[in-house]
Protein backbone atom coordinates (compact mmCIF):
# COMPACT_ATOMS: atom_id res chain seq x y z
CA MET A 1 -20.27 -2.08 -1.38
CA THR A 2 -18.95 -2.24 2.19
CA THR A 3 -18.55 -4.90 4.84
CA SER A 4 -18.39 -5.21 8.63
CA SER A 5 -15.57 -7.76 8.54
CA ILE A 6 -12.73 -8.90 6.31
CA ASP A 7 -12.64 -12.49 5.09
CA ARG A 8 -9.58 -14.68 5.48
CA ARG A 9 -9.39 -17.06 2.53
CA GLU A 10 -7.14 -19.84 1.32
CA LYS A 11 -7.05 -21.78 -1.93
CA LEU A 12 -8.79 -18.85 -3.60
CA SER A 13 -8.76 -19.15 -7.38
CA ARG A 14 -8.10 -16.15 -9.60
CA LYS A 15 -11.70 -16.33 -10.85
CA GLU A 16 -13.07 -16.39 -7.28
CA LEU A 17 -10.83 -13.51 -6.25
CA ILE A 18 -12.11 -11.34 -9.10
CA LYS A 19 -15.79 -12.26 -8.72
CA GLU A 20 -16.05 -12.24 -4.92
CA TYR A 21 -13.72 -9.39 -3.96
CA ILE A 22 -12.23 -7.35 -6.80
CA GLU A 23 -15.43 -6.67 -8.74
CA PRO A 24 -17.53 -5.84 -5.62
CA GLU A 25 -14.57 -3.80 -4.29
CA LEU A 26 -14.19 -5.62 -0.99
CA PRO A 27 -10.99 -6.20 0.99
CA VAL A 28 -9.75 -9.74 1.60
CA ILE A 29 -6.89 -11.46 3.41
CA ILE A 30 -5.38 -14.36 1.47
CA THR A 31 -3.50 -16.68 3.79
CA ASP A 32 -1.62 -18.83 1.26
CA ALA A 33 -1.03 -16.72 -1.87
CA VAL A 34 2.71 -16.29 -1.22
CA ASN A 35 3.59 -19.72 0.14
CA ASN A 36 6.13 -20.14 -2.66
CA TRP A 37 7.76 -16.74 -2.32
CA PRO A 38 11.51 -17.01 -1.65
CA ALA A 39 11.14 -13.82 0.44
CA LEU A 40 9.49 -15.78 3.25
CA GLY A 41 12.28 -16.82 5.58
CA THR A 42 14.82 -14.73 3.65
CA ILE A 43 13.71 -11.16 4.36
CA THR A 44 14.52 -10.56 8.03
CA PRO A 45 16.06 -7.71 10.03
CA GLU A 46 19.39 -9.58 9.97
CA PHE A 47 19.19 -9.89 6.17
CA PHE A 48 18.97 -6.11 5.75
CA LYS A 49 21.63 -5.44 8.37
CA ASN A 50 24.15 -7.96 7.04
CA LYS A 51 23.63 -7.43 3.30
CA TYR A 52 22.63 -3.76 3.07
CA GLY A 53 23.71 -2.33 6.42
CA HIS A 54 25.78 0.41 4.77
CA PHE A 55 22.83 1.76 2.77
CA THR A 56 21.23 4.95 4.09
CA LYS A 57 17.72 6.35 4.41
CA GLU A 58 16.52 9.74 5.62
CA VAL A 59 13.52 9.78 7.96
CA LYS A 60 12.14 13.13 9.14
CA GLY A 61 15.38 14.95 8.47
CA VAL A 62 17.71 12.37 10.06
CA THR A 63 19.84 9.99 7.99
CA TYR A 64 20.28 6.42 9.25
CA THR A 65 22.26 3.52 7.91
CA PHE A 66 20.17 0.40 7.57
CA ALA A 67 22.30 -1.18 10.28
CA GLU A 68 21.54 1.69 12.66
CA PHE A 69 17.86 1.50 11.88
CA ILE A 70 17.66 -2.27 12.39
CA ASP A 71 19.13 -1.86 15.89
CA LEU A 72 16.53 0.82 16.64
CA MET A 73 13.78 -1.33 15.15
CA LEU A 74 14.61 -4.35 17.31
CA SER A 75 14.81 -2.27 20.50
CA SER A 76 11.74 -0.16 19.68
CA SER A 77 8.96 0.20 22.24
CA ALA A 78 5.73 2.12 22.69
CA GLU A 79 7.61 4.57 24.93
CA ARG A 80 10.56 4.96 22.52
CA PRO A 81 9.42 3.94 19.03
CA CYS A 82 11.89 3.71 16.19
CA PRO A 83 11.69 6.22 13.30
CA TYR A 84 8.66 5.61 11.12
CA PRO A 85 7.71 5.24 8.32
CA PHE A 86 10.86 3.48 7.13
CA ASN A 87 9.78 2.50 3.63
CA LEU A 88 12.22 1.40 0.93
CA ASN A 89 11.59 1.65 -2.79
CA ILE A 90 12.66 -1.79 -4.00
CA ASP A 91 13.41 -0.72 -7.58
CA ASN A 92 15.66 2.11 -6.35
CA TYR A 93 17.51 0.33 -3.54
CA PHE A 94 17.69 -3.33 -4.53
CA PRO A 95 15.88 -4.31 -7.75
CA GLU A 96 17.51 -7.73 -7.51
CA LEU A 97 15.14 -8.56 -4.66
CA ARG A 98 12.10 -8.38 -6.94
CA LYS A 99 12.68 -12.03 -7.80
CA LEU A 100 12.01 -12.92 -4.15
CA ILE A 101 8.40 -11.69 -4.32
CA LYS A 102 7.17 -13.81 -7.20
CA PRO A 103 4.80 -15.16 -8.43
CA GLU A 104 2.98 -11.85 -8.20
CA ILE A 105 -0.64 -11.37 -7.24
CA VAL A 106 -2.58 -9.53 -9.93
CA TYR A 107 -5.56 -7.47 -8.80
CA GLY A 108 -7.57 -7.79 -11.98
CA LYS A 109 -7.74 -9.74 -15.21
CA ILE A 110 -4.46 -8.28 -16.48
CA ASP A 111 -1.49 -6.64 -14.72
CA ARG A 112 -1.83 -3.00 -15.68
CA VAL A 113 1.11 -1.89 -13.52
CA ASN A 114 3.55 -4.08 -15.45
CA HIS A 115 1.79 -3.94 -18.81
CA PRO A 116 4.31 -3.80 -21.70
CA LEU A 117 2.69 -0.58 -22.97
CA MET A 118 2.77 1.10 -19.55
CA PRO A 119 5.76 3.49 -19.48
CA ARG A 120 7.63 3.86 -16.19
CA PHE A 121 7.46 7.67 -16.35
CA MET A 122 3.72 7.41 -15.73
CA MET A 123 4.54 6.15 -12.24
CA ASN A 124 7.75 7.98 -11.46
CA HIS A 125 6.34 9.82 -8.43
CA THR A 126 4.94 6.73 -6.75
CA GLU A 127 6.64 3.56 -5.57
CA PRO A 128 5.23 0.38 -7.14
CA TYR A 129 7.14 -1.99 -4.83
CA GLU A 130 8.18 -1.11 -1.28
CA PHE A 131 9.45 -2.76 1.87
CA PHE A 132 8.02 -1.31 5.09
CA LEU A 133 10.04 -1.80 8.28
CA GLY A 134 8.84 -0.93 11.74
CA GLY A 135 9.23 -1.84 15.40
CA ALA A 136 7.05 -2.09 18.46
CA GLY A 137 5.28 1.23 18.90
CA SER A 138 5.54 2.19 15.23
CA ALA A 139 2.36 3.76 13.91
CA PHE A 140 1.22 6.15 11.24
CA PRO A 141 -1.72 7.81 12.99
CA PHE A 142 -3.33 9.60 10.08
CA LEU A 143 -5.81 7.89 7.79
CA HIS A 144 -5.27 8.11 4.06
CA ILE A 145 -6.20 6.69 0.68
CA ASP A 146 -3.18 5.63 -1.34
CA GLU A 147 -1.65 8.14 -3.74
CA LEU A 148 -3.10 8.23 -7.27
CA TYR A 149 -6.13 6.23 -6.10
CA LEU A 150 -4.15 3.02 -6.44
CA HIS A 151 -5.41 -0.28 -5.03
CA ASN A 152 -3.35 -1.70 -2.17
CA GLN A 153 -1.57 -4.99 -1.62
CA ALA A 154 0.37 -5.68 1.59
CA THR A 155 2.15 -8.95 2.38
CA GLN A 156 3.68 -9.65 5.76
CA LEU A 157 7.18 -11.14 5.51
CA TYR A 158 8.36 -10.93 9.12
CA GLY A 159 6.48 -10.43 12.38
CA GLN A 160 2.99 -9.01 12.15
CA LYS A 161 1.27 -5.65 11.79
CA ASP A 162 -2.18 -4.25 12.44
CA PHE A 163 -4.15 -2.50 9.72
CA ILE A 164 -7.01 -0.18 10.66
CA LEU A 165 -9.45 0.42 7.82
CA PHE A 166 -12.58 2.51 7.31
CA SER A 167 -14.96 1.74 4.48
CA PRO A 168 -15.55 4.34 1.74
CA ASP A 169 -19.06 5.16 2.93
CA GLN A 170 -17.63 6.63 6.15
CA VAL A 171 -15.80 9.48 4.42
CA ASP A 172 -18.11 12.11 5.94
CA TYR A 173 -16.86 11.13 9.41
CA LEU A 174 -13.17 11.40 8.46
CA TYR A 175 -12.84 15.09 7.50
CA PRO A 176 -10.63 14.77 4.38
CA THR A 177 -8.55 17.90 3.88
CA ASN A 178 -9.22 20.46 1.16
CA GLU A 179 -5.56 20.41 0.17
CA ASN A 180 -5.55 16.65 -0.34
CA PRO A 181 -8.89 14.81 -0.25
CA LYS A 182 -7.02 11.52 0.18
CA VAL A 183 -5.77 12.48 3.67
CA SER A 184 -7.60 12.85 6.99
CA PRO A 185 -6.11 15.16 9.67
CA ILE A 186 -7.49 13.06 12.54
CA ASN A 187 -5.03 11.24 14.78
CA ILE A 188 -7.10 8.10 15.17
CA PHE A 189 -5.12 6.93 18.21
CA ASN A 190 -5.82 10.17 20.06
CA PRO A 191 -8.75 11.85 18.29
CA ASP A 192 -9.84 15.38 19.10
CA TYR A 193 -13.61 14.91 19.27
CA ASP A 194 -14.18 18.60 19.94
CA LYS A 195 -12.60 19.42 16.60
CA TYR A 196 -13.87 16.32 14.76
CA PRO A 197 -17.13 15.30 16.47
CA LEU A 198 -18.42 13.16 13.60
CA PHE A 199 -15.46 10.82 13.99
CA LYS A 200 -17.33 9.30 16.94
CA GLU A 201 -19.66 7.71 14.37
CA ALA A 202 -16.84 6.08 12.38
CA ARG A 203 -16.51 2.30 12.69
CA PRO A 204 -13.02 0.91 12.05
CA LEU A 205 -12.06 -2.56 10.96
CA ARG A 206 -8.85 -3.69 12.67
CA ILE A 207 -7.03 -6.78 11.44
CA THR A 208 -3.68 -8.29 12.33
CA LEU A 209 -1.72 -9.33 9.26
CA LYS A 210 0.47 -12.32 10.08
CA LYS A 211 3.58 -13.65 8.39
CA GLY A 212 2.75 -15.10 4.99
CA GLU A 213 -0.63 -13.35 4.72
CA THR A 214 -1.61 -10.83 2.05
CA LEU A 215 -4.17 -8.06 2.46
CA LEU A 216 -5.79 -6.75 -0.71
CA PHE A 217 -8.12 -3.77 -0.65
CA PRO A 218 -9.39 -1.29 -3.23
CA THR A 219 -8.88 2.43 -3.36
CA GLY A 220 -11.41 4.36 -1.32
CA TRP A 221 -10.73 2.36 1.83
CA TRP A 222 -9.15 4.69 4.38
CA HIS A 223 -6.36 3.01 6.31
CA THR A 224 -3.34 3.24 8.53
CA THR A 225 -1.09 0.79 10.42
CA GLN A 226 0.23 0.05 13.89
CA SER A 227 2.93 -2.39 15.03
CA PHE A 228 3.45 -4.06 18.39
CA VAL A 229 6.43 -6.21 17.36
CA PRO A 230 9.23 -5.86 14.79
CA SER A 231 7.63 -6.02 11.37
CA ILE A 232 8.63 -6.23 7.71
CA SER A 233 6.02 -6.14 4.98
CA VAL A 234 6.08 -5.56 1.26
CA GLY A 235 3.61 -3.35 -0.54
CA ARG A 236 2.67 -3.39 -4.18
CA ILE A 237 0.37 -0.98 -5.98
CA GLN A 238 -2.42 -2.34 -8.18
CA LEU A 239 -4.37 -1.00 -11.12
CA ASN A 240 -7.42 -2.33 -12.91
CA GLY A 241 -10.35 -0.99 -14.85
CA SER A 242 -12.17 0.30 -11.77
CA ASN A 243 -9.47 2.78 -10.74
CA TRP A 244 -7.79 3.49 -14.08
CA ASN A 245 -9.55 6.81 -14.76
CA LYS A 246 -9.09 8.02 -11.17
CA TYR A 247 -5.40 7.13 -11.36
CA LEU A 248 -4.95 8.77 -14.75
CA HIS A 249 -6.62 12.05 -13.82
CA ASP A 250 -4.76 12.28 -10.51
CA GLU A 251 -1.51 11.68 -12.42
CA TYR A 252 -2.54 14.41 -14.86
CA ARG A 253 -3.27 16.87 -12.03
CA TYR A 254 0.13 16.16 -10.50
CA TRP A 255 2.03 16.87 -13.72
CA LYS A 256 -0.12 19.80 -14.86
CA LYS A 257 1.36 21.93 -12.06
CA ARG A 258 4.93 20.95 -12.94
CA ALA A 259 5.10 20.19 -16.69
CA PRO A 260 1.88 20.98 -18.58
CA LEU A 261 3.06 19.46 -21.85
CA LYS A 262 4.04 16.22 -20.15
CA ALA A 263 0.67 16.22 -18.38
CA ALA A 264 -1.19 16.52 -21.70
CA ILE A 265 0.84 13.67 -23.20
CA ILE A 266 0.17 11.46 -20.18
CA LEU A 267 -3.57 12.14 -20.33
CA ALA A 268 -3.83 11.48 -24.07
CA TYR A 269 -1.67 8.37 -24.02
CA GLY A 270 -3.25 7.06 -20.81
CA THR A 271 -6.77 7.48 -22.20
CA ALA A 272 -5.88 5.45 -25.29
CA LEU A 273 -3.98 2.87 -23.28
CA GLY A 274 -6.92 2.43 -20.92
CA LYS A 275 -9.15 1.55 -23.88
CA VAL A 276 -6.63 -1.03 -25.07
CA MET A 277 -6.48 -2.57 -21.61
CA ASP A 278 -10.27 -2.61 -21.36
CA LEU A 279 -10.38 -4.64 -24.60
CA GLN A 280 -7.82 -7.05 -23.17
CA ASP A 281 -9.89 -7.41 -20.01
CA ALA A 282 -12.92 -8.30 -22.10
CA PHE A 283 -11.12 -11.25 -23.69
CA VAL A 284 -9.45 -12.66 -20.56
């Protein structure tokens, strides 16, 4: 099911969220879900510079300290954008900050990502929790579906950021690559219509995510982002019954090329675990 707009909702109950958006696989912006998060008002450019300024991150072959990046981020412009994407795996860099992004939003009846039977090695090539930092002019021009067919959650902690989304039924206009069917080669900010003529038929949904707002959308929605001001957001992957098999088989394909035995174990265990989780869903 697709839509021509994205609802902004407040005071949305868990039951309403599941029935009105998660089950029909529609995106939604929740304006008040994180009102009690300590991260709001705490996570700022100055926070990263003062507390973690000596940490380093490599972007496109260049290593920056966080302090150096924050200076670039705050002076960024459309003509001279700061390095992007500057995404930080929270569990790797600063797991202590996880407590600032609670209570968590669960995209389903149970939290499959943090399920007690879900081993971490089944997600060790994705990043369950990430901070995304960018400045004016920052953009990731290429559309994609998130790795492992995971559902997406993005919460704006500082500034604001635009999301550009295309519904799943527009895939024929987006020319997904043979090498990775979750990636489109089209630069949507400067499309080559001679090379990709069907893209003229694509109809984007552009929304501006403001501080304190959370965007939830299911796998299959093609998306990218663009910033016009300094921005910090936090992303969190989501799993439920609708994407479990897609996730599991994509995970299996990843490991089959690298460690076939591990891949077979993941597939067998994940299949059994999915059935257990489905039973739990039925009783929630």
